[in-house]
Amino acid sequence: MADPLVTSFGRVVRRRREALALSQEELGERTNLSRNYIGMVERGETNPTLLVLRALAKALDTTMGALIADLEADLGPDPKK
């Protein structure tokens, strides 16, 4: 079972990609990553590195901070607080 953090990040990437009307292949071309890898990120099957986060942010016309903010919003409140 995938980690909820990784799964949530995949949802964020998919929403951002779809908002720009990009295919996984087009996002892959913009990031120099394969379409298969983009799919794995979106399905929460892989935990992307900071270098991939930076490439995704640039390709999605946003910042790394904005992607992380979206991730935090997607996760909801921290139940430990």
Protein backbone atom coordinates (compact mmCIF):
# COMPACT_ATOMS: atom_id res chain seq x y z
CA MET A 1 0.00 0.00 0.00
CA ALA A 2 1.35 3.39 -0.99
CA ASP A 3 2.22 6.00 1.60
CA PRO A 4 -0.59 8.60 1.91
CA LEU A 5 1.91 11.44 1.47
CA VAL A 6 3.19 10.02 -1.82
CA THR A 7 -0.34 9.27 -3.03
CA SER A 8 -1.47 12.78 -2.16
CA PHE A 9 1.46 14.31 -4.02
CA GLY A 10 0.46 12.29 -7.08
CA ARG A 11 -3.05 13.75 -6.89
CA VAL A 12 -1.57 17.25 -6.73
CA VAL A 13 0.58 16.64 -9.80
CA ARG A 14 -2.36 15.15 -11.74
CA ARG A 15 -4.65 18.08 -10.88
CA ARG A 16 -2.00 20.61 -11.89
CA ARG A 17 -1.26 18.73 -15.14
CA GLU A 18 -4.92 18.43 -16.06
CA ALA A 19 -5.52 22.12 -15.25
CA LEU A 20 -2.92 22.93 -17.92
CA ALA A 21 -4.52 20.41 -20.32
CA LEU A 22 -1.24 18.48 -20.57
CA SER A 23 -0.99 14.77 -21.24
CA GLN A 24 1.38 12.66 -19.18
CA GLU A 25 3.55 12.43 -22.28
CA GLU A 26 3.68 16.23 -22.64
CA LEU A 27 4.57 16.65 -18.96
CA GLY A 28 7.24 14.00 -19.41
CA GLU A 29 8.71 15.92 -22.33
CA ARG A 30 8.73 19.16 -20.31
CA THR A 31 10.51 17.46 -17.41
CA ASN A 32 12.76 15.10 -19.39
CA LEU A 33 11.04 12.21 -17.58
CA SER A 34 9.21 9.30 -19.18
CA ARG A 35 5.44 9.17 -19.45
CA ASN A 36 5.61 5.96 -17.43
CA TYR A 37 7.44 7.73 -14.60
CA ILE A 38 4.90 10.58 -14.61
CA GLY A 39 2.16 7.95 -14.31
CA MET A 40 3.96 6.31 -11.40
CA VAL A 41 4.21 9.67 -9.63
CA GLU A 42 0.52 10.38 -10.19
CA ARG A 43 -0.48 6.93 -8.90
CA GLY A 44 1.72 7.32 -5.82
CA GLU A 45 3.93 4.41 -6.84
CA THR A 46 7.19 6.33 -6.51
CA ASN A 47 8.53 8.97 -4.15
CA PRO A 48 10.03 11.70 -6.34
CA THR A 49 13.31 13.35 -5.42
CA LEU A 50 13.79 17.07 -4.86
CA LEU A 51 15.27 17.30 -8.36
CA VAL A 52 12.08 15.80 -9.79
CA LEU A 53 9.97 18.13 -7.63
CA ARG A 54 11.85 21.10 -9.10
CA ALA A 55 11.43 19.80 -12.66
CA LEU A 56 7.70 19.19 -12.11
CA ALA A 57 7.20 22.65 -10.63
CA LYS A 58 8.91 24.32 -13.59
CA ALA A 59 7.01 22.21 -16.12
CA LEU A 60 3.71 22.95 -14.38
CA ASP A 61 4.41 26.71 -14.37
CA THR A 62 4.52 26.91 -10.59
CA THR A 63 6.97 26.75 -7.70
CA MET A 64 8.12 23.92 -5.50
CA GLY A 65 6.56 25.78 -2.56
CA ALA A 66 3.19 25.97 -4.30
CA LEU A 67 3.23 22.22 -4.97
CA ILE A 68 4.05 21.55 -1.32
CA ALA A 69 1.29 23.95 -0.21
CA ASP A 70 -1.15 22.03 -2.45
CA LEU A 71 0.12 18.80 -0.93
CA GLU A 72 -0.46 20.06 2.61
CA ALA A 73 -3.97 21.22 1.67
CA ASP A 74 -4.71 17.84 0.06
CA LEU A 75 -3.56 15.99 3.19
CA GLY A 76 -5.80 18.06 5.46
CA PRO A 77 -5.11 18.89 9.10
CA ASP A 78 -2.43 16.95 10.96
CA PRO A 79 -4.28 14.67 13.40
CA LYS A 80 -1.26 14.74 15.76
CA LYS A 81 -1.68 18.44 16.48
